[in-house]
Amino acid sequence: MSEGLKHICFDLDDTLYEQIAPFRQALLTIQSVSNEQIRRIYKSFRIRSNELFFRHQNKEISFEAMQIGRIQLALKDHDILIMDEEALKFQAAYQRGQYEISLSDTLVEILDYLKSRDVRISLITNGPYEHQLKKIRSLGLGKWIEEKDMIISSAVGISKPDERIFHMVCESGLYVGDSYENDVIGAKKAGWDVIWLNKYGQQEADQKADFTARDERELQSLLHNFFDFDGSCMC
């Protein structure tokens, strides 16, 4: 890993908050399913969300079609069929839940620690500007991250894993994200170092992350090992 690194950049969704929490609440408004089923459906939802997000970015489908399709396809993967009306009901509940999120105590400790070491903190997130901005504000991230260092894909016209969006923040840095396709592949293509926050036991393909953390505590431990007293990354 790069020596003397004083910049760290985070993904937003499922990195700085647990996206499965509002997903669980929303899914239970339209289906009676167990916690284990919810976890399996959520994994499918993440995959389908990525697939349809890029189709929307390429103007192949509308934003509403993306929202309807991702939950319909995720449920279909588990032999559950729903109508468009149910998909929209899910989406409305899911969106409400995403504006009621908060940082975990561990993530507050991590951000406070980095700030105390004078490490520059930034954020790159894919998604609609207003929607992502509301989540950023709900989490109170302005305490640690300057507005100029918050990059939202729809505002700049480029999405992860395109390496150009990483270079809008900095030529190099340490990136922390949960998505193998968007975060690991994208950041490595940009020449960055990567910590993969792999909470759901995904499998790596050809591109390897520099480090992997299975949860926030492992991430915290890695970062404490990386940054010395003056904020430089000694890894």
C-alpha atoms as a PDB file:
ATOM      1  CA  MET A   1       0.000   0.000   0.000  1.00  0.00           C
ATOM      2  CA  SER A   2       1.123   3.550  -0.687  1.00  0.00           C
ATOM      3  CA  GLU A   3       3.391   5.159   1.885  1.00  0.00           C
ATOM      4  CA  GLY A   4       2.562   8.515   3.414  1.00  0.00           C
ATOM      5  CA  LEU A   5      -1.096   8.296   2.393  1.00  0.00           C
ATOM      6  CA  LYS A   6      -3.262  10.972   4.030  1.00  0.00           C
ATOM      7  CA  HIS A   7      -6.524  10.549   2.156  1.00  0.00           C
ATOM      8  CA  ILE A   8      -9.327   8.037   2.641  1.00  0.00           C
ATOM      9  CA  CYS A   9     -12.537   7.842   0.639  1.00  0.00           C
ATOM     10  CA  PHE A  10     -15.712   5.962   1.558  1.00  0.00           C
ATOM     11  CA  ASP A  11     -18.605   4.517  -0.372  1.00  0.00           C
ATOM     12  CA  LEU A  12     -22.022   5.374   1.120  1.00  0.00           C
ATOM     13  CA  ASP A  13     -24.652   2.636   0.762  1.00  0.00           C
ATOM     14  CA  ASP A  14     -23.926  -0.482   2.825  1.00  0.00           C
ATOM     15  CA  THR A  15     -20.582   0.995   3.860  1.00  0.00           C
ATOM     16  CA  LEU A  16     -21.493   3.928   6.108  1.00  0.00           C
ATOM     17  CA  TYR A  17     -24.873   2.489   7.064  1.00  0.00           C
ATOM     18  CA  GLU A  18     -26.578  -0.916   6.924  1.00  0.00           C
ATOM     19  CA  GLN A  19     -28.822  -0.831   3.869  1.00  0.00           C
ATOM     20  CA  ILE A  20     -30.446  -4.129   4.832  1.00  0.00           C
ATOM     21  CA  ALA A  21     -32.295  -2.460   7.754  1.00  0.00           C
ATOM     22  CA  PRO A  22     -34.606  -0.235   5.644  1.00  0.00           C
ATOM     23  CA  PHE A  23     -34.788  -3.064   3.089  1.00  0.00           C
ATOM     24  CA  ARG A  24     -36.098  -5.473   5.736  1.00  0.00           C
ATOM     25  CA  GLN A  25     -38.734  -3.005   6.937  1.00  0.00           C
ATOM     26  CA  ALA A  26     -39.895  -2.282   3.391  1.00  0.00           C
ATOM     27  CA  LEU A  27     -40.014  -5.920   2.313  1.00  0.00           C
ATOM     28  CA  LEU A  28     -42.176  -6.858   5.280  1.00  0.00           C
ATOM     29  CA  THR A  29     -44.803  -4.362   4.092  1.00  0.00           C
ATOM     30  CA  ILE A  30     -45.465  -6.554   1.030  1.00  0.00           C
ATOM     31  CA  GLN A  31     -44.289 -10.073   1.981  1.00  0.00           C
ATOM     32  CA  SER A  32     -44.263 -12.280   5.067  1.00  0.00           C
ATOM     33  CA  VAL A  33     -40.726 -13.706   5.052  1.00  0.00           C
ATOM     34  CA  SER A  34     -38.189 -14.915   7.608  1.00  0.00           C
ATOM     35  CA  ASN A  35     -34.962 -13.099   8.489  1.00  0.00           C
ATOM     36  CA  GLU A  36     -32.951 -15.737   6.631  1.00  0.00           C
ATOM     37  CA  GLN A  37     -35.118 -15.287   3.539  1.00  0.00           C
ATOM     38  CA  ILE A  38     -34.664 -11.529   3.802  1.00  0.00           C
ATOM     39  CA  ARG A  39     -30.867 -11.906   3.806  1.00  0.00           C
ATOM     40  CA  ARG A  40     -30.964 -14.116   0.712  1.00  0.00           C
ATOM     41  CA  ILE A  41     -33.403 -11.824  -1.103  1.00  0.00           C
ATOM     42  CA  TYR A  42     -31.304  -8.806  -0.170  1.00  0.00           C
ATOM     43  CA  LYS A  43     -28.222 -10.335  -1.804  1.00  0.00           C
ATOM     44  CA  SER A  44     -30.256 -10.795  -4.992  1.00  0.00           C
ATOM     45  CA  PHE A  45     -31.566  -7.231  -4.666  1.00  0.00           C
ATOM     46  CA  ARG A  46     -28.015  -5.843  -4.588  1.00  0.00           C
ATOM     47  CA  ILE A  47     -27.115  -7.748  -7.749  1.00  0.00           C
ATOM     48  CA  ARG A  48     -30.292  -6.722  -9.561  1.00  0.00           C
ATOM     49  CA  SER A  49     -29.896  -3.103  -8.412  1.00  0.00           C
ATOM     50  CA  ASN A  50     -26.432  -2.905  -9.974  1.00  0.00           C
ATOM     51  CA  GLU A  51     -27.621  -4.503 -13.210  1.00  0.00           C
ATOM     52  CA  LEU A  52     -30.592  -2.185 -13.635  1.00  0.00           C
ATOM     53  CA  PHE A  53     -28.763   0.920 -12.416  1.00  0.00           C
ATOM     54  CA  PHE A  54     -26.355   0.663 -15.330  1.00  0.00           C
ATOM     55  CA  ARG A  55     -29.227   0.044 -17.757  1.00  0.00           C
ATOM     56  CA  HIS A  56     -30.821   3.228 -16.411  1.00  0.00           C
ATOM     57  CA  GLN A  57     -27.514   5.102 -16.733  1.00  0.00           C
ATOM     58  CA  ASN A  58     -27.358   3.987 -20.358  1.00  0.00           C
ATOM     59  CA  LYS A  59     -30.923   5.313 -20.858  1.00  0.00           C
ATOM     60  CA  GLU A  60     -32.265   1.828 -21.636  1.00  0.00           C
ATOM     61  CA  ILE A  61     -34.921   1.992 -18.895  1.00  0.00           C
ATOM     62  CA  SER A  62     -36.600   4.717 -16.835  1.00  0.00           C
ATOM     63  CA  PHE A  63     -35.784   5.384 -13.183  1.00  0.00           C
ATOM     64  CA  GLU A  64     -39.171   3.991 -12.119  1.00  0.00           C
ATOM     65  CA  ALA A  65     -38.657   0.872 -14.228  1.00  0.00           C
ATOM     66  CA  MET A  66     -35.335   0.363 -12.455  1.00  0.00           C
ATOM     67  CA  GLN A  67     -37.004   0.672  -9.047  1.00  0.00           C
ATOM     68  CA  ILE A  68     -39.820  -1.714  -9.956  1.00  0.00           C
ATOM     69  CA  GLY A  69     -37.617  -4.197 -11.763  1.00  0.00           C
ATOM     70  CA  ARG A  70     -34.929  -4.655  -9.130  1.00  0.00           C
ATOM     71  CA  ILE A  71     -37.300  -5.849  -6.396  1.00  0.00           C
ATOM     72  CA  GLN A  72     -39.433  -7.880  -8.819  1.00  0.00           C
ATOM     73  CA  LEU A  73     -36.371  -9.677 -10.194  1.00  0.00           C
ATOM     74  CA  ALA A  74     -34.819 -10.159  -6.754  1.00  0.00           C
ATOM     75  CA  LEU A  75     -38.012 -11.799  -5.499  1.00  0.00           C
ATOM     76  CA  LYS A  76     -38.399 -13.822  -8.691  1.00  0.00           C
ATOM     77  CA  ASP A  77     -34.927 -15.247  -8.021  1.00  0.00           C
ATOM     78  CA  HIS A  78     -36.564 -16.795  -4.936  1.00  0.00           C
ATOM     79  CA  ASP A  79     -39.789 -17.882  -6.667  1.00  0.00           C
ATOM     80  CA  ILE A  80     -41.853 -14.939  -5.397  1.00  0.00           C
ATOM     81  CA  LEU A  81     -43.842 -12.919  -7.926  1.00  0.00           C
ATOM     82  CA  ILE A  82     -45.216  -9.431  -7.258  1.00  0.00           C
ATOM     83  CA  MET A  83     -47.129  -6.890  -9.342  1.00  0.00           C
ATOM     84  CA  ASP A  84     -45.896  -3.395 -10.189  1.00  0.00           C
ATOM     85  CA  GLU A  85     -48.165  -1.896  -7.507  1.00  0.00           C
ATOM     86  CA  GLU A  86     -46.513  -3.996  -4.793  1.00  0.00           C
ATOM     87  CA  ALA A  87     -43.065  -3.102  -6.109  1.00  0.00           C
ATOM     88  CA  LEU A  88     -43.909   0.599  -5.883  1.00  0.00           C
ATOM     89  CA  LYS A  89     -45.277   0.128  -2.360  1.00  0.00           C
ATOM     90  CA  PHE A  90     -41.992  -1.522  -1.413  1.00  0.00           C
ATOM     91  CA  GLN A  91     -40.005   1.308  -3.016  1.00  0.00           C
ATOM     92  CA  ALA A  92     -41.935   4.003  -1.138  1.00  0.00           C
ATOM     93  CA  ALA A  93     -41.332   2.264   2.198  1.00  0.00           C
ATOM     94  CA  TYR A  94     -37.688   1.588   1.329  1.00  0.00           C
ATOM     95  CA  GLN A  95     -37.058   5.229   0.463  1.00  0.00           C
ATOM     96  CA  ARG A  96     -38.681   6.449   3.687  1.00  0.00           C
ATOM     97  CA  GLY A  97     -36.496   4.082   5.666  1.00  0.00           C
ATOM     98  CA  GLN A  98     -33.343   5.325   3.964  1.00  0.00           C
ATOM     99  CA  TYR A  99     -33.964   8.804   5.337  1.00  0.00           C
ATOM    100  CA  GLU A 100     -34.157   7.464   8.904  1.00  0.00           C
ATOM    101  CA  ILE A 101     -30.642   6.020   8.990  1.00  0.00           C
ATOM    102  CA  SER A 102     -27.812   6.754  11.417  1.00  0.00           C
ATOM    103  CA  LEU A 103     -24.131   5.978  11.819  1.00  0.00           C
ATOM    104  CA  SER A 104     -23.178   3.105  14.088  1.00  0.00           C
ATOM    105  CA  ASP A 105     -21.076   3.875  17.168  1.00  0.00           C
ATOM    106  CA  THR A 106     -18.142   2.101  15.516  1.00  0.00           C
ATOM    107  CA  LEU A 107     -18.300   4.274  12.403  1.00  0.00           C
ATOM    108  CA  VAL A 108     -18.486   7.430  14.509  1.00  0.00           C
ATOM    109  CA  GLU A 109     -15.334   6.246  16.288  1.00  0.00           C
ATOM    110  CA  ILE A 110     -13.639   5.559  12.943  1.00  0.00           C
ATOM    111  CA  LEU A 111     -14.491   8.976  11.493  1.00  0.00           C
ATOM    112  CA  ASP A 112     -13.485  10.775  14.696  1.00  0.00           C
ATOM    113  CA  TYR A 113     -10.197   8.856  14.717  1.00  0.00           C
ATOM    114  CA  LEU A 114      -9.393   9.771  11.113  1.00  0.00           C
ATOM    115  CA  LYS A 115     -10.299  13.412  11.692  1.00  0.00           C
ATOM    116  CA  SER A 116      -8.068  13.525  14.779  1.00  0.00           C
ATOM    117  CA  ARG A 117      -5.177  12.290  12.598  1.00  0.00           C
ATOM    118  CA  ASP A 118      -5.790  15.065  10.036  1.00  0.00           C
ATOM    119  CA  VAL A 119      -6.656  12.516   7.372  1.00  0.00           C
ATOM    120  CA  ARG A 120      -8.637  13.975   4.484  1.00  0.00           C
ATOM    121  CA  ILE A 121     -11.977  12.125   4.251  1.00  0.00           C
ATOM    122  CA  SER A 122     -14.072  12.035   1.083  1.00  0.00           C
ATOM    123  CA  LEU A 123     -17.085  10.190  -0.306  1.00  0.00           C
ATOM    124  CA  ILE A 124     -18.058   8.750  -3.701  1.00  0.00           C
ATOM    125  CA  THR A 125     -21.565   7.360  -4.187  1.00  0.00           C
ATOM    126  CA  ASN A 126     -23.650   6.209  -7.142  1.00  0.00           C
ATOM    127  CA  GLY A 127     -27.243   7.385  -7.342  1.00  0.00           C
ATOM    128  CA  PRO A 128     -29.642  10.308  -7.845  1.00  0.00           C
ATOM    129  CA  TYR A 129     -28.311  13.556  -6.384  1.00  0.00           C
ATOM    130  CA  GLU A 130     -31.196  14.576  -4.108  1.00  0.00           C
ATOM    131  CA  HIS A 131     -31.775  11.025  -2.870  1.00  0.00           C
ATOM    132  CA  GLN A 132     -28.126  10.458  -1.960  1.00  0.00           C
ATOM    133  CA  LEU A 133     -27.797  13.942  -0.470  1.00  0.00           C
ATOM    134  CA  LYS A 134     -30.720  13.289   1.898  1.00  0.00           C
ATOM    135  CA  LYS A 135     -28.985  10.150   3.125  1.00  0.00           C
ATOM    136  CA  ILE A 136     -25.720  12.038   3.587  1.00  0.00           C
ATOM    137  CA  ARG A 137     -27.543  14.645   5.669  1.00  0.00           C
ATOM    138  CA  SER A 138     -29.409  12.000   7.673  1.00  0.00           C
ATOM    139  CA  LEU A 139     -26.044  10.511   8.638  1.00  0.00           C
ATOM    140  CA  GLY A 140     -24.606  13.917   9.551  1.00  0.00           C
ATOM    141  CA  LEU A 141     -21.521  13.325   7.419  1.00  0.00           C
ATOM    142  CA  GLY A 142     -20.848  17.040   7.055  1.00  0.00           C
ATOM    143  CA  LYS A 143     -19.170  16.868  10.472  1.00  0.00           C
ATOM    144  CA  TRP A 144     -16.271  14.941   8.927  1.00  0.00           C
ATOM    145  CA  ILE A 145     -16.466  15.477   5.158  1.00  0.00           C
ATOM    146  CA  GLU A 146     -16.392  18.793   3.315  1.00  0.00           C
ATOM    147  CA  GLU A 147     -19.076  19.294   0.675  1.00  0.00           C
ATOM    148  CA  LYS A 148     -16.471  19.604  -2.082  1.00  0.00           C
ATOM    149  CA  ASP A 149     -15.271  16.104  -1.178  1.00  0.00           C
ATOM    150  CA  MET A 150     -18.712  14.505  -1.587  1.00  0.00           C
ATOM    151  CA  ILE A 151     -19.086  13.144  -5.122  1.00  0.00           C
ATOM    152  CA  ILE A 152     -22.538  11.926  -6.249  1.00  0.00           C
ATOM    153  CA  SER A 153     -22.574  10.175  -9.610  1.00  0.00           C
ATOM    154  CA  SER A 154     -25.664  11.819 -11.107  1.00  0.00           C
ATOM    155  CA  ALA A 155     -24.234  15.269 -10.367  1.00  0.00           C
ATOM    156  CA  VAL A 156     -21.020  14.600 -12.294  1.00  0.00           C
ATOM    157  CA  GLY A 157     -22.342  12.324 -15.042  1.00  0.00           C
ATOM    158  CA  ILE A 158     -19.981   9.449 -14.239  1.00  0.00           C
ATOM    159  CA  SER A 159     -20.614   6.390 -12.064  1.00  0.00           C
ATOM    160  CA  LYS A 160     -18.416   3.837 -10.345  1.00  0.00           C
ATOM    161  CA  PRO A 161     -16.678   1.665 -11.500  1.00  0.00           C
ATOM    162  CA  ASP A 162     -15.501   4.274 -14.055  1.00  0.00           C
ATOM    163  CA  GLU A 163     -12.062   5.275 -12.781  1.00  0.00           C
ATOM    164  CA  ARG A 164     -12.631   8.915 -13.764  1.00  0.00           C
ATOM    165  CA  ILE A 165     -15.004   9.467 -10.842  1.00  0.00           C
ATOM    166  CA  PHE A 166     -12.246   8.492  -8.406  1.00  0.00           C
ATOM    167  CA  HIS A 167      -9.847  10.950 -10.021  1.00  0.00           C
ATOM    168  CA  MET A 168     -12.381  13.735  -9.476  1.00  0.00           C
ATOM    169  CA  VAL A 169     -11.565  13.400  -5.787  1.00  0.00           C
ATOM    170  CA  CYS A 170      -7.846  12.669  -5.910  1.00  0.00           C
ATOM    171  CA  GLU A 171      -5.272  10.944  -8.111  1.00  0.00           C
ATOM    172  CA  SER A 172      -4.723   8.296  -5.449  1.00  0.00           C
ATOM    173  CA  GLY A 173      -5.949   7.320  -2.021  1.00  0.00           C
ATOM    174  CA  LEU A 174      -7.339   4.556   0.149  1.00  0.00           C
ATOM    175  CA  TYR A 175     -10.889   3.547  -0.771  1.00  0.00           C
ATOM    176  CA  VAL A 176     -13.343   1.713   1.495  1.00  0.00           C
ATOM    177  CA  GLY A 177     -16.436   0.141  -0.051  1.00  0.00           C
ATOM    178  CA  ASP A 178     -18.688  -2.898   0.026  1.00  0.00           C
ATOM    179  CA  SER A 179     -19.328  -3.515  -3.678  1.00  0.00           C
ATOM    180  CA  TYR A 180     -16.813  -5.731  -5.457  1.00  0.00           C
ATOM    181  CA  GLU A 181     -17.919  -4.573  -8.920  1.00  0.00           C
ATOM    182  CA  ASN A 182     -18.188  -0.847  -8.210  1.00  0.00           C
ATOM    183  CA  ASP A 183     -15.731  -0.230  -5.394  1.00  0.00           C
ATOM    184  CA  VAL A 184     -12.953  -2.813  -5.633  1.00  0.00           C
ATOM    185  CA  ILE A 185     -12.731  -2.995  -9.425  1.00  0.00           C
ATOM    186  CA  GLY A 186     -13.301   0.736  -9.900  1.00  0.00           C
ATOM    187  CA  ALA A 187     -10.794   1.914  -7.299  1.00  0.00           C
ATOM    188  CA  LYS A 188      -8.100  -0.527  -8.437  1.00  0.00           C
ATOM    189  CA  LYS A 189      -8.569   0.604 -12.060  1.00  0.00           C
ATOM    190  CA  ALA A 190      -8.010   4.159 -10.797  1.00  0.00           C
ATOM    191  CA  GLY A 191      -4.745   3.123  -9.147  1.00  0.00           C
ATOM    192  CA  TRP A 192      -6.064   3.386  -5.600  1.00  0.00           C
ATOM    193  CA  ASP A 193      -5.550   1.091  -2.624  1.00  0.00           C
ATOM    194  CA  VAL A 194      -8.724  -0.665  -1.472  1.00  0.00           C
ATOM    195  CA  ILE A 195     -10.243  -2.076   1.687  1.00  0.00           C
ATOM    196  CA  TRP A 196     -13.182  -4.256   0.723  1.00  0.00           C
ATOM    197  CA  LEU A 197     -15.887  -4.225   3.409  1.00  0.00           C
ATOM    198  CA  ASN A 198     -17.221  -7.661   2.515  1.00  0.00           C
ATOM    199  CA  LYS A 199     -20.087  -8.153   4.970  1.00  0.00           C
ATOM    200  CA  TYR A 200     -21.920 -10.802   2.983  1.00  0.00           C
ATOM    201  CA  GLY A 201     -19.141 -13.201   2.033  1.00  0.00           C
ATOM    202  CA  GLN A 202     -18.972 -12.325  -1.657  1.00  0.00           C
ATOM    203  CA  GLN A 203     -16.354 -14.044  -3.803  1.00  0.00           C
ATOM    204  CA  GLU A 204     -13.483 -12.149  -5.410  1.00  0.00           C
ATOM    205  CA  ALA A 205     -12.829 -12.621  -9.115  1.00  0.00           C
ATOM    206  CA  ASP A 206      -9.626 -11.575 -10.897  1.00  0.00           C
ATOM    207  CA  GLN A 207      -9.152  -8.166  -9.273  1.00  0.00           C
ATOM    208  CA  LYS A 208      -7.992  -8.429  -5.664  1.00  0.00           C
ATOM    209  CA  ALA A 209      -8.605  -5.908  -2.906  1.00  0.00           C
ATOM    210  CA  ASP A 210      -5.531  -4.905  -0.911  1.00  0.00           C
ATOM    211  CA  PHE A 211      -7.308  -5.756   2.331  1.00  0.00           C
ATOM    212  CA  THR A 212     -10.672  -7.208   3.314  1.00  0.00           C
ATOM    213  CA  ALA A 213     -12.740  -6.476   6.434  1.00  0.00           C
ATOM    214  CA  ARG A 214     -15.761  -8.611   7.284  1.00  0.00           C
ATOM    215  CA  ASP A 215     -17.374  -6.021   9.535  1.00  0.00           C
ATOM    216  CA  GLU A 216     -16.938  -2.527  10.967  1.00  0.00           C
ATOM    217  CA  ARG A 217     -14.764  -3.705  13.869  1.00  0.00           C
ATOM    218  CA  GLU A 218     -12.317  -5.353  11.488  1.00  0.00           C
ATOM    219  CA  LEU A 219     -12.312  -2.161   9.421  1.00  0.00           C
ATOM    220  CA  GLN A 220     -11.584  -0.123  12.536  1.00  0.00           C
ATOM    221  CA  SER A 221      -8.701  -2.414  13.470  1.00  0.00           C
ATOM    222  CA  LEU A 222      -7.203  -2.174   9.980  1.00  0.00           C
ATOM    223  CA  LEU A 223      -7.364   1.612   9.975  1.00  0.00           C
ATOM    224  CA  HIS A 224      -5.770   1.861  13.416  1.00  0.00           C
ATOM    225  CA  ASN A 225      -2.944  -0.327  12.136  1.00  0.00           C
ATOM    226  CA  PHE A 226      -2.550   1.755   8.981  1.00  0.00           C
ATOM    227  CA  PHE A 227      -2.419   5.314  10.290  1.00  0.00           C
ATOM    228  CA  ASP A 228       0.431   6.493  12.481  1.00  0.00           C
ATOM    229  CA  PHE A 229       0.409   9.492  14.815  1.00  0.00           C
ATOM    230  CA  ASP A 230       0.740  12.103  12.062  1.00  0.00           C
ATOM    231  CA  GLY A 231      -1.993  10.695   9.856  1.00  0.00           C
ATOM    232  CA  SER A 232       0.240   8.930   7.337  1.00  0.00           C
ATOM    233  CA  CYS A 233      -0.735   5.472   6.196  1.00  0.00           C
ATOM    234  CA  MET A 234       2.087   3.117   7.189  1.00  0.00           C
ATOM    235  CA  CYS A 235       1.028   0.044   5.262  1.00  0.00           C
END
